[in-house]
Amino acid sequence: MKPILICRAICFFALPLSILTGEEMPHGVMPDKHFSVFEKYCLDCHDAATEKGGVNLEDLSFNMDSLEAAEMWQKVLNVTNSGEMPPEDKTQLTAEEKTDFLSDLSNQLVIARDALSDSGGVITMRRLNRREYENTIESLLGVKINAEDLPDDANSGGFDTSGSALFFSSDQFEQYIKIAKLALDKAIVSEEKPKNRKVRTEVETYATPRIIKVAKSLQES
C-alpha cells in the first residue's frame, strides 16, 4: 500500500463512528416508566416546590444529552444504590423496582458517557487538572497551593490531560474559585506595611577580625 493510502486509512479509522456513518451517536435516555418511581418515592421531597437539599427531580430531563443531566443521574444512582435515598423513615423501593431502576440507569449512563465524551473530532476545551492548576497558581502568584479539593483527574488511557475527561461543571468551577481566593490571601499582604529601616555597616568592621582569625589558625597549623 502506498504511503498516501496508509495515511488516509489511519485517518479514516481514527475518526469517530458518528462522522464515518453520518449518524449522530445515541444519547442515554432513561425509560419513561421510571417516572413512577420518582412520583412514588422521590417527589414528595424533591419536586419543584420543595427542592429538599436543593435537589429538584421533577424537572430532571430523562434525556441525558448534557453533562449536567448525566451528573445528576449519576448522583441519583449513587444515593439509590447505597441506600441513602429514600431515607430510612420513608417508603423504600421494592427489590424488583430497585433492581430494574438501577439496571436501566447504569446502562443509560454508559451510553451517555460515550456520547458526551465524543467530540466529533474537535479538540475539547478542558479545565486545568490538579497538577496544572497548582503549577499555574505558583507561576502567577508565587505561592504553593494544595489542589486536592478539586475533582479527580479522570485518567483516560493513562493520561491526565485528556480533554474529553476533564469536563467542567458549576460545582467544579466553585472549587477552582475557592482555591484561587485562598491563594490570593496567601499572596497579598493585607496588614500594615512595615516601616523602612536603614542600617549602615562598614565592611572592615566584620571582615578584618575574620581575616585575622583565619591567618592565626594557619600559622598555628
N, C-alpha and C. Protein backbone atom coordinates (compact mmCIF):
# COMPACT_ATOMS: atom_id res chain seq x y z
N MET A 1 0.86 -1.20 0.00
CA MET A 1 0.00 0.00 0.00
C MET A 1 0.89 1.24 0.00
N LYS A 2 0.59 2.22 -0.87
CA LYS A 2 1.37 3.44 -0.95
C LYS A 2 1.23 4.24 0.34
N PRO A 3 2.29 5.07 0.68
CA PRO A 3 2.26 5.86 1.92
C PRO A 3 1.03 6.74 2.04
N ILE A 4 0.60 7.37 0.94
CA ILE A 4 -0.55 8.26 1.00
C ILE A 4 -1.81 7.51 1.35
N LEU A 5 -1.93 6.26 0.84
CA LEU A 5 -3.11 5.46 1.15
C LEU A 5 -3.09 4.98 2.59
N ILE A 6 -1.88 4.65 3.10
CA ILE A 6 -1.76 4.26 4.51
C ILE A 6 -2.17 5.41 5.41
N CYS A 7 -1.72 6.62 5.06
CA CYS A 7 -2.06 7.81 5.85
C CYS A 7 -3.56 8.02 5.88
N ARG A 8 -4.20 7.88 4.70
CA ARG A 8 -5.65 8.08 4.62
C ARG A 8 -6.38 7.00 5.43
N ALA A 9 -5.86 5.78 5.40
CA ALA A 9 -6.51 4.69 6.15
C ALA A 9 -6.44 4.96 7.63
N ILE A 10 -5.27 5.42 8.12
CA ILE A 10 -5.12 5.71 9.54
C ILE A 10 -6.07 6.82 9.95
N CYS A 11 -6.12 7.88 9.15
CA CYS A 11 -7.02 8.99 9.48
C CYS A 11 -8.47 8.54 9.46
N PHE A 12 -8.80 7.71 8.51
CA PHE A 12 -10.19 7.25 8.37
C PHE A 12 -10.63 6.47 9.60
N PHE A 13 -9.83 5.50 10.02
CA PHE A 13 -10.22 4.67 11.14
C PHE A 13 -10.07 5.38 12.48
N ALA A 14 -9.37 6.52 12.50
CA ALA A 14 -9.26 7.28 13.74
C ALA A 14 -10.45 8.17 13.97
N LEU A 15 -11.26 8.36 12.92
CA LEU A 15 -12.42 9.23 13.05
C LEU A 15 -13.49 8.59 13.92
N PRO A 16 -14.27 9.41 14.69
CA PRO A 16 -15.37 8.87 15.47
C PRO A 16 -16.41 8.21 14.57
N LEU A 17 -17.09 7.22 15.11
CA LEU A 17 -18.09 6.48 14.35
C LEU A 17 -19.19 7.40 13.84
N SER A 18 -19.51 8.44 14.60
CA SER A 18 -20.58 9.35 14.20
C SER A 18 -20.25 10.08 12.90
N ILE A 19 -18.94 10.33 12.67
CA ILE A 19 -18.55 11.02 11.44
C ILE A 19 -18.52 10.03 10.28
N LEU A 20 -18.03 8.82 10.54
CA LEU A 20 -17.91 7.83 9.47
C LEU A 20 -19.27 7.45 8.91
N THR A 21 -20.26 7.32 9.78
CA THR A 21 -21.57 6.87 9.35
C THR A 21 -22.50 8.02 9.01
N GLY A 22 -22.13 9.24 9.44
CA GLY A 22 -23.00 10.38 9.22
C GLY A 22 -24.19 10.41 10.16
N GLU A 23 -24.17 9.53 11.16
CA GLU A 23 -25.28 9.46 12.10
C GLU A 23 -24.84 9.99 13.46
N GLU A 24 -25.75 10.62 14.14
CA GLU A 24 -25.46 11.14 15.47
C GLU A 24 -25.48 10.00 16.48
N MET A 25 -24.47 9.98 17.36
CA MET A 25 -24.41 8.93 18.37
C MET A 25 -25.60 9.04 19.32
N PRO A 26 -26.20 7.93 19.70
CA PRO A 26 -27.35 7.97 20.60
C PRO A 26 -26.96 8.45 21.99
N HIS A 27 -27.82 9.24 22.60
CA HIS A 27 -27.62 9.69 23.96
C HIS A 27 -28.36 8.75 24.90
N GLY A 28 -27.89 8.72 26.15
CA GLY A 28 -28.59 7.92 27.14
C GLY A 28 -29.97 8.49 27.41
N VAL A 29 -30.97 7.64 27.43
CA VAL A 29 -32.34 8.07 27.70
C VAL A 29 -32.95 7.12 28.72
N MET A 30 -33.35 7.67 29.85
CA MET A 30 -33.98 6.85 30.88
C MET A 30 -35.42 6.56 30.48
N PRO A 31 -35.86 5.30 30.50
CA PRO A 31 -37.24 4.97 30.12
C PRO A 31 -38.26 5.74 30.95
N ASP A 32 -39.31 6.21 30.30
CA ASP A 32 -40.35 6.99 30.98
C ASP A 32 -41.04 6.23 32.10
N LYS A 33 -41.01 4.90 32.03
CA LYS A 33 -41.70 4.11 33.05
C LYS A 33 -41.16 4.39 34.46
N HIS A 34 -39.91 4.87 34.54
CA HIS A 34 -39.30 5.09 35.85
C HIS A 34 -39.73 6.41 36.49
N PHE A 35 -40.51 7.21 35.76
CA PHE A 35 -41.02 8.43 36.40
C PHE A 35 -41.97 8.06 37.53
N SER A 36 -42.57 6.88 37.44
CA SER A 36 -43.45 6.43 38.52
C SER A 36 -42.66 6.20 39.80
N VAL A 37 -41.38 5.82 39.67
CA VAL A 37 -40.52 5.67 40.84
C VAL A 37 -40.29 7.03 41.50
N PHE A 38 -40.03 8.04 40.67
CA PHE A 38 -39.88 9.40 41.20
C PHE A 38 -41.14 9.84 41.92
N GLU A 39 -42.30 9.64 41.27
CA GLU A 39 -43.57 10.08 41.86
C GLU A 39 -43.84 9.40 43.20
N LYS A 40 -43.53 8.12 43.27
CA LYS A 40 -43.85 7.33 44.46
C LYS A 40 -42.87 7.53 45.61
N TYR A 41 -41.58 7.71 45.28
CA TYR A 41 -40.57 7.68 46.33
C TYR A 41 -39.74 8.97 46.47
N CYS A 42 -39.79 9.87 45.49
CA CYS A 42 -38.85 10.98 45.48
C CYS A 42 -39.48 12.37 45.52
N LEU A 43 -40.58 12.56 44.78
CA LEU A 43 -41.08 13.91 44.54
C LEU A 43 -41.75 14.57 45.73
N ASP A 44 -42.03 13.82 46.77
CA ASP A 44 -42.57 14.45 47.98
C ASP A 44 -41.55 15.43 48.57
N CYS A 45 -40.29 15.11 48.41
CA CYS A 45 -39.23 15.96 48.97
C CYS A 45 -38.41 16.69 47.90
N HIS A 46 -38.43 16.17 46.68
CA HIS A 46 -37.53 16.72 45.65
C HIS A 46 -38.29 17.14 44.40
N ASP A 47 -39.42 17.83 44.58
CA ASP A 47 -40.13 18.40 43.44
C ASP A 47 -39.79 19.88 43.33
N ALA A 48 -40.38 20.56 42.35
CA ALA A 48 -40.06 21.97 42.11
C ALA A 48 -40.47 22.86 43.28
N ALA A 49 -41.50 22.46 44.01
CA ALA A 49 -41.99 23.28 45.12
C ALA A 49 -41.17 23.08 46.39
N THR A 50 -40.65 21.88 46.59
CA THR A 50 -39.95 21.56 47.83
C THR A 50 -38.43 21.70 47.69
N GLU A 51 -37.86 20.99 46.73
CA GLU A 51 -36.42 21.01 46.46
C GLU A 51 -35.61 20.81 47.74
N LYS A 52 -35.91 19.78 48.50
CA LYS A 52 -35.15 19.49 49.72
C LYS A 52 -33.70 19.21 49.36
N GLY A 53 -32.80 19.86 50.08
CA GLY A 53 -31.38 19.71 49.79
C GLY A 53 -30.97 20.35 48.48
N GLY A 54 -31.83 21.21 47.93
CA GLY A 54 -31.53 21.87 46.66
C GLY A 54 -31.63 20.97 45.45
N VAL A 55 -32.30 19.82 45.61
CA VAL A 55 -32.42 18.86 44.51
C VAL A 55 -33.85 18.84 44.00
N ASN A 56 -34.02 19.13 42.71
CA ASN A 56 -35.33 19.11 42.06
C ASN A 56 -35.32 18.03 40.97
N LEU A 57 -35.97 16.91 41.26
CA LEU A 57 -36.01 15.80 40.31
C LEU A 57 -37.20 15.90 39.36
N GLU A 58 -38.14 16.78 39.68
CA GLU A 58 -39.33 16.91 38.83
C GLU A 58 -38.96 17.45 37.46
N ASP A 59 -37.95 18.32 37.41
CA ASP A 59 -37.54 18.93 36.15
C ASP A 59 -36.33 18.23 35.53
N LEU A 60 -35.89 17.12 36.11
CA LEU A 60 -34.73 16.41 35.58
C LEU A 60 -35.09 15.73 34.26
N SER A 61 -34.34 16.07 33.21
CA SER A 61 -34.61 15.50 31.89
C SER A 61 -34.23 14.03 31.87
N PHE A 62 -35.12 13.21 31.30
CA PHE A 62 -34.83 11.79 31.15
C PHE A 62 -33.89 11.55 29.97
N ASN A 63 -33.63 12.61 29.19
CA ASN A 63 -32.69 12.54 28.07
C ASN A 63 -31.34 13.07 28.55
N MET A 64 -30.35 12.19 28.66
CA MET A 64 -29.04 12.55 29.19
C MET A 64 -28.15 13.11 28.08
N ASP A 65 -28.57 14.23 27.52
CA ASP A 65 -27.82 14.82 26.41
C ASP A 65 -26.94 15.98 26.83
N SER A 66 -26.77 16.16 28.14
CA SER A 66 -25.89 17.21 28.65
C SER A 66 -25.13 16.69 29.86
N LEU A 67 -24.00 17.29 30.14
CA LEU A 67 -23.20 16.88 31.28
C LEU A 67 -23.96 17.07 32.58
N GLU A 68 -24.72 18.19 32.66
CA GLU A 68 -25.46 18.47 33.89
C GLU A 68 -26.49 17.37 34.18
N ALA A 69 -27.22 16.96 33.14
CA ALA A 69 -28.22 15.90 33.32
C ALA A 69 -27.55 14.58 33.69
N ALA A 70 -26.46 14.25 33.00
CA ALA A 70 -25.76 12.99 33.29
C ALA A 70 -25.19 12.98 34.70
N GLU A 71 -24.65 14.13 35.15
CA GLU A 71 -24.09 14.20 36.50
C GLU A 71 -25.18 14.02 37.56
N MET A 72 -26.35 14.62 37.32
CA MET A 72 -27.44 14.47 38.27
C MET A 72 -27.92 13.02 38.33
N TRP A 73 -28.03 12.39 37.17
CA TRP A 73 -28.44 10.99 37.15
C TRP A 73 -27.40 10.10 37.84
N GLN A 74 -26.12 10.46 37.73
CA GLN A 74 -25.08 9.70 38.42
C GLN A 74 -25.25 9.82 39.93
N LYS A 75 -25.62 11.02 40.39
CA LYS A 75 -25.86 11.21 41.82
C LYS A 75 -27.07 10.39 42.28
N VAL A 76 -28.12 10.36 41.43
CA VAL A 76 -29.30 9.56 41.75
C VAL A 76 -28.91 8.10 41.89
N LEU A 77 -28.10 7.61 40.95
CA LEU A 77 -27.66 6.22 41.01
C LEU A 77 -26.88 5.95 42.30
N ASN A 78 -25.97 6.86 42.64
CA ASN A 78 -25.12 6.66 43.82
C ASN A 78 -25.93 6.56 45.11
N VAL A 79 -26.85 7.51 45.31
CA VAL A 79 -27.60 7.53 46.58
C VAL A 79 -28.63 6.41 46.64
N THR A 80 -29.15 6.00 45.48
CA THR A 80 -30.11 4.89 45.46
C THR A 80 -29.40 3.57 45.68
N ASN A 81 -28.27 3.39 45.03
CA ASN A 81 -27.52 2.14 45.15
C ASN A 81 -26.98 1.96 46.56
N SER A 82 -26.58 3.06 47.21
CA SER A 82 -26.03 2.97 48.56
C SER A 82 -27.10 2.86 49.64
N GLY A 83 -28.37 3.08 49.27
CA GLY A 83 -29.46 3.04 50.23
C GLY A 83 -29.66 4.34 50.99
N GLU A 84 -28.92 5.38 50.57
CA GLU A 84 -29.05 6.69 51.23
C GLU A 84 -30.41 7.31 50.94
N MET A 85 -30.92 7.06 49.74
CA MET A 85 -32.22 7.54 49.34
C MET A 85 -33.05 6.38 48.79
N PRO A 86 -34.34 6.31 49.14
CA PRO A 86 -35.04 7.16 50.08
C PRO A 86 -34.51 6.98 51.51
N PRO A 87 -34.70 7.98 52.40
CA PRO A 87 -34.24 7.87 53.78
C PRO A 87 -34.92 6.69 54.49
N GLU A 88 -34.34 6.25 55.59
CA GLU A 88 -34.83 5.08 56.30
C GLU A 88 -36.27 5.25 56.78
N ASP A 89 -36.67 6.49 57.09
CA ASP A 89 -38.02 6.71 57.62
C ASP A 89 -39.07 6.88 56.51
N LYS A 90 -38.65 6.71 55.24
CA LYS A 90 -39.57 6.83 54.12
C LYS A 90 -39.82 5.47 53.49
N THR A 91 -40.86 5.39 52.67
CA THR A 91 -41.18 4.14 51.98
C THR A 91 -40.05 3.77 51.04
N GLN A 92 -39.64 2.51 51.08
CA GLN A 92 -38.50 2.05 50.29
C GLN A 92 -38.96 1.37 49.00
N LEU A 93 -38.11 1.41 47.99
CA LEU A 93 -38.37 0.69 46.75
C LEU A 93 -38.37 -0.81 47.03
N THR A 94 -39.20 -1.52 46.31
CA THR A 94 -39.15 -2.98 46.41
C THR A 94 -37.86 -3.46 45.74
N ALA A 95 -37.46 -4.68 46.05
CA ALA A 95 -36.23 -5.22 45.47
C ALA A 95 -36.31 -5.25 43.95
N GLU A 96 -37.49 -5.59 43.43
CA GLU A 96 -37.67 -5.65 41.98
C GLU A 96 -37.59 -4.26 41.36
N GLU A 97 -38.24 -3.28 41.99
CA GLU A 97 -38.20 -1.91 41.47
C GLU A 97 -36.78 -1.36 41.48
N LYS A 98 -36.07 -1.60 42.56
CA LYS A 98 -34.71 -1.07 42.69
C LYS A 98 -33.78 -1.71 41.67
N THR A 99 -33.89 -3.01 41.49
CA THR A 99 -33.03 -3.70 40.53
C THR A 99 -33.29 -3.21 39.11
N ASP A 100 -34.56 -3.09 38.75
CA ASP A 100 -34.93 -2.64 37.41
C ASP A 100 -34.47 -1.20 37.17
N PHE A 101 -34.69 -0.34 38.17
CA PHE A 101 -34.33 1.07 38.07
C PHE A 101 -32.81 1.24 37.91
N LEU A 102 -32.04 0.59 38.79
CA LEU A 102 -30.59 0.74 38.75
C LEU A 102 -29.98 0.09 37.51
N SER A 103 -30.58 -0.99 37.03
CA SER A 103 -30.07 -1.65 35.82
C SER A 103 -30.21 -0.73 34.61
N ASP A 104 -31.41 -0.16 34.44
CA ASP A 104 -31.63 0.74 33.31
C ASP A 104 -30.75 1.99 33.42
N LEU A 105 -30.67 2.52 34.64
CA LEU A 105 -29.90 3.75 34.83
C LEU A 105 -28.41 3.52 34.56
N SER A 106 -27.87 2.41 35.02
CA SER A 106 -26.46 2.11 34.79
C SER A 106 -26.17 1.98 33.30
N ASN A 107 -27.03 1.28 32.59
CA ASN A 107 -26.83 1.09 31.15
C ASN A 107 -26.90 2.40 30.39
N GLN A 108 -27.86 3.24 30.75
CA GLN A 108 -28.03 4.51 30.04
C GLN A 108 -26.89 5.49 30.36
N LEU A 109 -26.35 5.41 31.55
CA LEU A 109 -25.22 6.28 31.89
C LEU A 109 -23.98 5.89 31.10
N VAL A 110 -23.81 4.62 30.83
CA VAL A 110 -22.69 4.17 29.99
C VAL A 110 -22.83 4.75 28.58
N ILE A 111 -24.06 4.70 28.03
CA ILE A 111 -24.31 5.27 26.70
C ILE A 111 -24.09 6.78 26.71
N ALA A 112 -24.57 7.44 27.76
CA ALA A 112 -24.42 8.89 27.86
C ALA A 112 -22.95 9.27 27.96
N ARG A 113 -22.17 8.50 28.73
CA ARG A 113 -20.75 8.80 28.88
C ARG A 113 -20.02 8.71 27.55
N ASP A 114 -20.35 7.68 26.76
CA ASP A 114 -19.72 7.53 25.45
C ASP A 114 -20.10 8.67 24.51
N ALA A 115 -21.37 9.05 24.54
CA ALA A 115 -21.85 10.11 23.64
C ALA A 115 -21.26 11.47 24.01
N LEU A 116 -21.23 11.76 25.31
CA LEU A 116 -20.76 13.07 25.75
C LEU A 116 -19.25 13.21 25.66
N SER A 117 -18.53 12.08 25.64
CA SER A 117 -17.07 12.14 25.53
C SER A 117 -16.62 12.19 24.08
N ASP A 118 -17.54 11.96 23.13
CA ASP A 118 -17.20 12.02 21.71
C ASP A 118 -17.29 13.46 21.24
N SER A 119 -16.15 14.05 20.92
CA SER A 119 -16.12 15.46 20.50
C SER A 119 -16.31 15.60 19.00
N GLY A 120 -16.54 14.50 18.26
CA GLY A 120 -16.72 14.57 16.82
C GLY A 120 -15.46 14.98 16.08
N GLY A 121 -14.30 14.66 16.67
CA GLY A 121 -13.04 15.01 16.03
C GLY A 121 -12.56 16.41 16.34
N VAL A 122 -13.31 17.15 17.15
CA VAL A 122 -12.93 18.51 17.51
C VAL A 122 -12.23 18.48 18.86
N ILE A 123 -11.15 19.25 18.99
CA ILE A 123 -10.42 19.32 20.26
C ILE A 123 -11.33 19.90 21.32
N THR A 124 -11.44 19.22 22.45
CA THR A 124 -12.35 19.63 23.51
C THR A 124 -11.70 20.66 24.42
N MET A 125 -12.41 21.76 24.66
CA MET A 125 -11.93 22.73 25.64
C MET A 125 -12.04 22.09 27.03
N ARG A 126 -10.98 22.10 27.77
CA ARG A 126 -10.96 21.40 29.04
C ARG A 126 -10.48 22.31 30.17
N ARG A 127 -10.70 21.85 31.37
CA ARG A 127 -10.21 22.56 32.54
C ARG A 127 -8.76 22.16 32.84
N LEU A 128 -8.08 22.94 33.66
CA LEU A 128 -6.76 22.55 34.14
C LEU A 128 -6.91 21.41 35.13
N ASN A 129 -6.06 20.42 35.03
CA ASN A 129 -6.10 19.37 36.04
C ASN A 129 -5.41 19.87 37.31
N ARG A 130 -5.38 19.04 38.35
CA ARG A 130 -4.82 19.48 39.64
C ARG A 130 -3.37 19.94 39.51
N ARG A 131 -2.57 19.12 38.85
CA ARG A 131 -1.14 19.43 38.71
C ARG A 131 -0.93 20.75 37.98
N GLU A 132 -1.66 20.93 36.87
CA GLU A 132 -1.52 22.16 36.08
C GLU A 132 -2.01 23.38 36.87
N TYR A 133 -3.08 23.21 37.65
CA TYR A 133 -3.61 24.34 38.40
C TYR A 133 -2.63 24.76 39.50
N GLU A 134 -2.04 23.79 40.19
CA GLU A 134 -1.06 24.10 41.23
C GLU A 134 0.14 24.85 40.63
N ASN A 135 0.64 24.36 39.49
CA ASN A 135 1.79 25.00 38.85
C ASN A 135 1.46 26.39 38.33
N THR A 136 0.25 26.56 37.80
CA THR A 136 -0.16 27.87 37.27
C THR A 136 -0.26 28.90 38.37
N ILE A 137 -0.89 28.52 39.48
CA ILE A 137 -1.00 29.45 40.62
C ILE A 137 0.37 29.84 41.14
N GLU A 138 1.28 28.86 41.23
CA GLU A 138 2.63 29.16 41.72
C GLU A 138 3.36 30.10 40.76
N SER A 139 3.19 29.91 39.45
CA SER A 139 3.85 30.78 38.47
C SER A 139 3.29 32.20 38.51
N LEU A 140 1.97 32.32 38.71
CA LEU A 140 1.32 33.64 38.70
C LEU A 140 1.51 34.41 40.00
N LEU A 141 1.38 33.69 41.14
CA LEU A 141 1.34 34.37 42.43
C LEU A 141 2.55 34.07 43.31
N GLY A 142 3.33 33.06 42.95
CA GLY A 142 4.49 32.73 43.75
C GLY A 142 4.18 31.99 45.03
N VAL A 143 2.99 31.40 45.13
CA VAL A 143 2.62 30.64 46.32
C VAL A 143 2.23 29.23 45.91
N LYS A 144 2.49 28.27 46.80
CA LYS A 144 2.12 26.89 46.53
C LYS A 144 0.78 26.60 47.17
N ILE A 145 -0.08 25.87 46.45
CA ILE A 145 -1.40 25.52 46.95
C ILE A 145 -1.58 24.01 46.92
N ASN A 146 -2.58 23.55 47.64
CA ASN A 146 -2.95 22.14 47.62
C ASN A 146 -4.27 22.01 46.89
N ALA A 147 -4.26 21.34 45.75
CA ALA A 147 -5.46 21.25 44.90
C ALA A 147 -6.20 19.93 45.09
N GLU A 148 -6.04 19.30 46.24
CA GLU A 148 -6.71 18.01 46.47
C GLU A 148 -8.22 18.14 46.50
N ASP A 149 -8.74 19.35 46.79
CA ASP A 149 -10.19 19.54 46.84
C ASP A 149 -10.81 19.61 45.44
N LEU A 150 -9.98 19.74 44.41
CA LEU A 150 -10.51 19.76 43.05
C LEU A 150 -10.96 18.36 42.66
N PRO A 151 -11.84 18.27 41.65
CA PRO A 151 -12.31 16.96 41.21
C PRO A 151 -11.16 16.06 40.78
N ASP A 152 -11.36 14.75 40.93
CA ASP A 152 -10.34 13.80 40.49
C ASP A 152 -10.09 13.96 38.99
N ASP A 153 -8.83 13.85 38.61
CA ASP A 153 -8.49 13.91 37.20
C ASP A 153 -8.72 12.54 36.58
N ALA A 154 -9.82 12.41 35.84
CA ALA A 154 -10.14 11.13 35.22
C ALA A 154 -8.99 10.71 34.32
N ASN A 155 -8.44 9.55 34.59
CA ASN A 155 -7.28 9.07 33.86
C ASN A 155 -7.73 8.31 32.63
N SER A 156 -7.68 8.95 31.48
CA SER A 156 -8.14 8.34 30.24
C SER A 156 -6.95 7.80 29.47
N GLY A 157 -6.80 6.48 29.44
CA GLY A 157 -5.70 5.86 28.71
C GLY A 157 -4.34 6.17 29.31
N GLY A 158 -4.29 6.48 30.61
CA GLY A 158 -3.02 6.74 31.27
C GLY A 158 -2.60 8.19 31.25
N PHE A 159 -3.42 9.08 30.70
CA PHE A 159 -3.09 10.50 30.62
C PHE A 159 -4.05 11.31 31.49
N ASP A 160 -3.53 12.38 32.12
CA ASP A 160 -4.39 13.24 32.94
C ASP A 160 -4.68 14.56 32.23
N THR A 161 -4.46 14.60 30.91
CA THR A 161 -4.72 15.82 30.13
C THR A 161 -5.69 15.58 28.99
N SER A 162 -6.47 14.53 29.08
CA SER A 162 -7.44 14.22 28.03
C SER A 162 -8.63 15.18 28.14
N GLY A 163 -8.88 15.95 27.08
CA GLY A 163 -9.94 16.95 27.12
C GLY A 163 -11.31 16.35 27.36
N SER A 164 -11.57 15.17 26.83
CA SER A 164 -12.88 14.56 26.98
C SER A 164 -13.16 14.15 28.42
N ALA A 165 -12.09 13.93 29.19
CA ALA A 165 -12.26 13.53 30.59
C ALA A 165 -12.29 14.72 31.53
N LEU A 166 -11.63 15.82 31.14
CA LEU A 166 -11.54 16.99 32.01
C LEU A 166 -12.65 17.98 31.68
N PHE A 167 -13.89 17.51 31.83
CA PHE A 167 -15.03 18.40 31.58
C PHE A 167 -15.24 19.33 32.78
N PHE A 168 -16.14 20.29 32.62
CA PHE A 168 -16.30 21.35 33.61
C PHE A 168 -17.76 21.48 34.01
N SER A 169 -18.02 21.57 35.30
CA SER A 169 -19.38 21.78 35.79
C SER A 169 -19.38 22.98 36.74
N SER A 170 -20.57 23.42 37.13
CA SER A 170 -20.67 24.58 38.02
C SER A 170 -20.07 24.28 39.38
N ASP A 171 -20.25 23.05 39.88
CA ASP A 171 -19.68 22.67 41.18
C ASP A 171 -18.16 22.71 41.13
N GLN A 172 -17.59 22.22 40.04
CA GLN A 172 -16.14 22.23 39.89
C GLN A 172 -15.61 23.66 39.81
N PHE A 173 -16.35 24.52 39.10
CA PHE A 173 -15.94 25.92 38.97
C PHE A 173 -15.86 26.59 40.34
N GLU A 174 -16.82 26.28 41.21
CA GLU A 174 -16.81 26.85 42.56
C GLU A 174 -15.57 26.42 43.33
N GLN A 175 -15.12 25.18 43.14
CA GLN A 175 -13.92 24.70 43.82
C GLN A 175 -12.68 25.44 43.33
N TYR A 176 -12.60 25.70 42.03
CA TYR A 176 -11.46 26.45 41.50
C TYR A 176 -11.44 27.87 42.07
N ILE A 177 -12.61 28.50 42.15
CA ILE A 177 -12.69 29.86 42.70
C ILE A 177 -12.28 29.87 44.17
N LYS A 178 -12.73 28.89 44.93
CA LYS A 178 -12.40 28.80 46.36
C LYS A 178 -10.90 28.71 46.57
N ILE A 179 -10.24 27.84 45.81
CA ILE A 179 -8.79 27.68 45.96
C ILE A 179 -8.05 28.93 45.49
N ALA A 180 -8.55 29.57 44.43
CA ALA A 180 -7.92 30.80 43.95
C ALA A 180 -7.98 31.90 45.01
N LYS A 181 -9.09 31.99 45.73
CA LYS A 181 -9.23 33.00 46.79
C LYS A 181 -8.23 32.74 47.92
N LEU A 182 -8.07 31.46 48.28
CA LEU A 182 -7.11 31.10 49.32
C LEU A 182 -5.68 31.45 48.88
N ALA A 183 -5.39 31.23 47.60
CA ALA A 183 -4.06 31.56 47.08
C ALA A 183 -3.82 33.06 47.11
N LEU A 184 -4.85 33.84 46.77
CA LEU A 184 -4.72 35.30 46.81
C LEU A 184 -4.51 35.80 48.23
N ASP A 185 -5.18 35.18 49.19
CA ASP A 185 -5.00 35.56 50.59
C ASP A 185 -3.55 35.34 51.04
N LYS A 186 -2.93 34.27 50.52
CA LYS A 186 -1.54 33.99 50.87
C LYS A 186 -0.58 34.93 50.15
N ALA A 187 -0.95 35.34 48.94
CA ALA A 187 -0.04 36.14 48.12
C ALA A 187 -0.13 37.64 48.43
N ILE A 188 -1.30 38.09 48.88
CA ILE A 188 -1.50 39.53 49.12
C ILE A 188 -1.48 39.79 50.62
N VAL A 189 -0.57 40.65 51.05
CA VAL A 189 -0.47 41.01 52.46
C VAL A 189 -1.43 42.15 52.74
N SER A 190 -2.36 41.92 53.66
CA SER A 190 -3.37 42.95 53.97
C SER A 190 -3.05 43.71 55.25
N GLU A 191 -1.97 43.33 55.94
CA GLU A 191 -1.61 44.01 57.19
C GLU A 191 -0.90 45.33 56.89
N GLU A 192 -0.60 46.07 57.96
CA GLU A 192 0.06 47.36 57.81
C GLU A 192 1.47 47.18 57.25
N LYS A 193 1.84 48.03 56.32
CA LYS A 193 3.15 47.95 55.69
C LYS A 193 4.23 48.22 56.73
N PRO A 194 5.24 47.34 56.81
CA PRO A 194 6.30 47.56 57.80
C PRO A 194 7.10 48.83 57.49
N LYS A 195 7.63 49.48 58.55
CA LYS A 195 8.39 50.71 58.37
C LYS A 195 9.79 50.40 57.84
N ASN A 196 10.27 51.29 57.01
CA ASN A 196 11.61 51.13 56.46
C ASN A 196 12.65 51.45 57.53
N ARG A 197 13.77 50.72 57.50
CA ARG A 197 14.84 50.95 58.47
C ARG A 197 16.17 50.88 57.76
N LYS A 198 16.97 51.90 57.92
CA LYS A 198 18.28 51.96 57.28
C LYS A 198 19.35 51.50 58.25
N VAL A 199 20.23 50.64 57.76
CA VAL A 199 21.34 50.14 58.58
C VAL A 199 22.64 50.36 57.81
N ARG A 200 23.60 51.01 58.45
CA ARG A 200 24.90 51.28 57.80
C ARG A 200 25.97 50.43 58.46
N THR A 201 26.71 49.72 57.66
CA THR A 201 27.78 48.88 58.19
C THR A 201 29.07 49.13 57.42
N GLU A 202 30.18 48.94 58.10
CA GLU A 202 31.49 49.04 57.47
C GLU A 202 32.03 47.63 57.27
N VAL A 203 32.43 47.35 56.06
CA VAL A 203 32.90 46.01 55.75
C VAL A 203 34.09 45.63 56.62
N GLU A 204 34.96 46.60 56.84
CA GLU A 204 36.17 46.30 57.61
C GLU A 204 35.84 45.85 59.03
N THR A 205 34.75 46.35 59.57
CA THR A 205 34.38 46.02 60.95
C THR A 205 34.16 44.53 61.11
N TYR A 206 33.61 43.89 60.08
CA TYR A 206 33.31 42.46 60.15
C TYR A 206 34.38 41.61 59.47
N ALA A 207 35.00 42.17 58.41
CA ALA A 207 35.96 41.37 57.64
C ALA A 207 37.31 41.24 58.33
N THR A 208 37.81 42.33 58.91
CA THR A 208 39.16 42.31 59.50
C THR A 208 39.31 41.27 60.60
N PRO A 209 38.41 41.19 61.59
CA PRO A 209 38.57 40.15 62.62
C PRO A 209 38.57 38.73 62.06
N ARG A 210 37.76 38.48 61.04
CA ARG A 210 37.70 37.14 60.46
C ARG A 210 39.01 36.80 59.75
N ILE A 211 39.58 37.81 59.05
CA ILE A 211 40.85 37.59 58.35
C ILE A 211 41.96 37.29 59.34
N ILE A 212 41.98 38.04 60.43
CA ILE A 212 43.00 37.83 61.46
C ILE A 212 42.86 36.44 62.07
N LYS A 213 41.64 36.04 62.31
CA LYS A 213 41.39 34.72 62.92
C LYS A 213 41.85 33.60 62.00
N VAL A 214 41.54 33.72 60.68
CA VAL A 214 41.95 32.70 59.71
C VAL A 214 43.48 32.65 59.59
N ALA A 215 44.11 33.84 59.56
CA ALA A 215 45.57 33.89 59.43
C ALA A 215 46.24 33.27 60.65
N LYS A 216 45.69 33.50 61.81
CA LYS A 216 46.26 32.96 63.04
C LYS A 216 46.17 31.43 63.06
N SER A 217 44.99 30.91 62.59
CA SER A 217 44.81 29.45 62.58
C SER A 217 45.77 28.79 61.60
N LEU A 218 46.09 29.48 60.50
CA LEU A 218 47.03 28.94 59.52
C LEU A 218 48.45 28.90 60.07
N GLN A 219 48.80 29.93 60.85
CA GLN A 219 50.14 29.99 61.44
C GLN A 219 50.33 28.87 62.46
N GLU A 220 49.27 28.61 63.24
CA GLU A 220 49.35 27.58 64.28
C GLU A 220 49.43 26.18 63.69
N SER A 221 48.83 26.00 62.51
CA SER A 221 48.85 24.68 61.88
C SER A 221 50.19 24.43 61.20
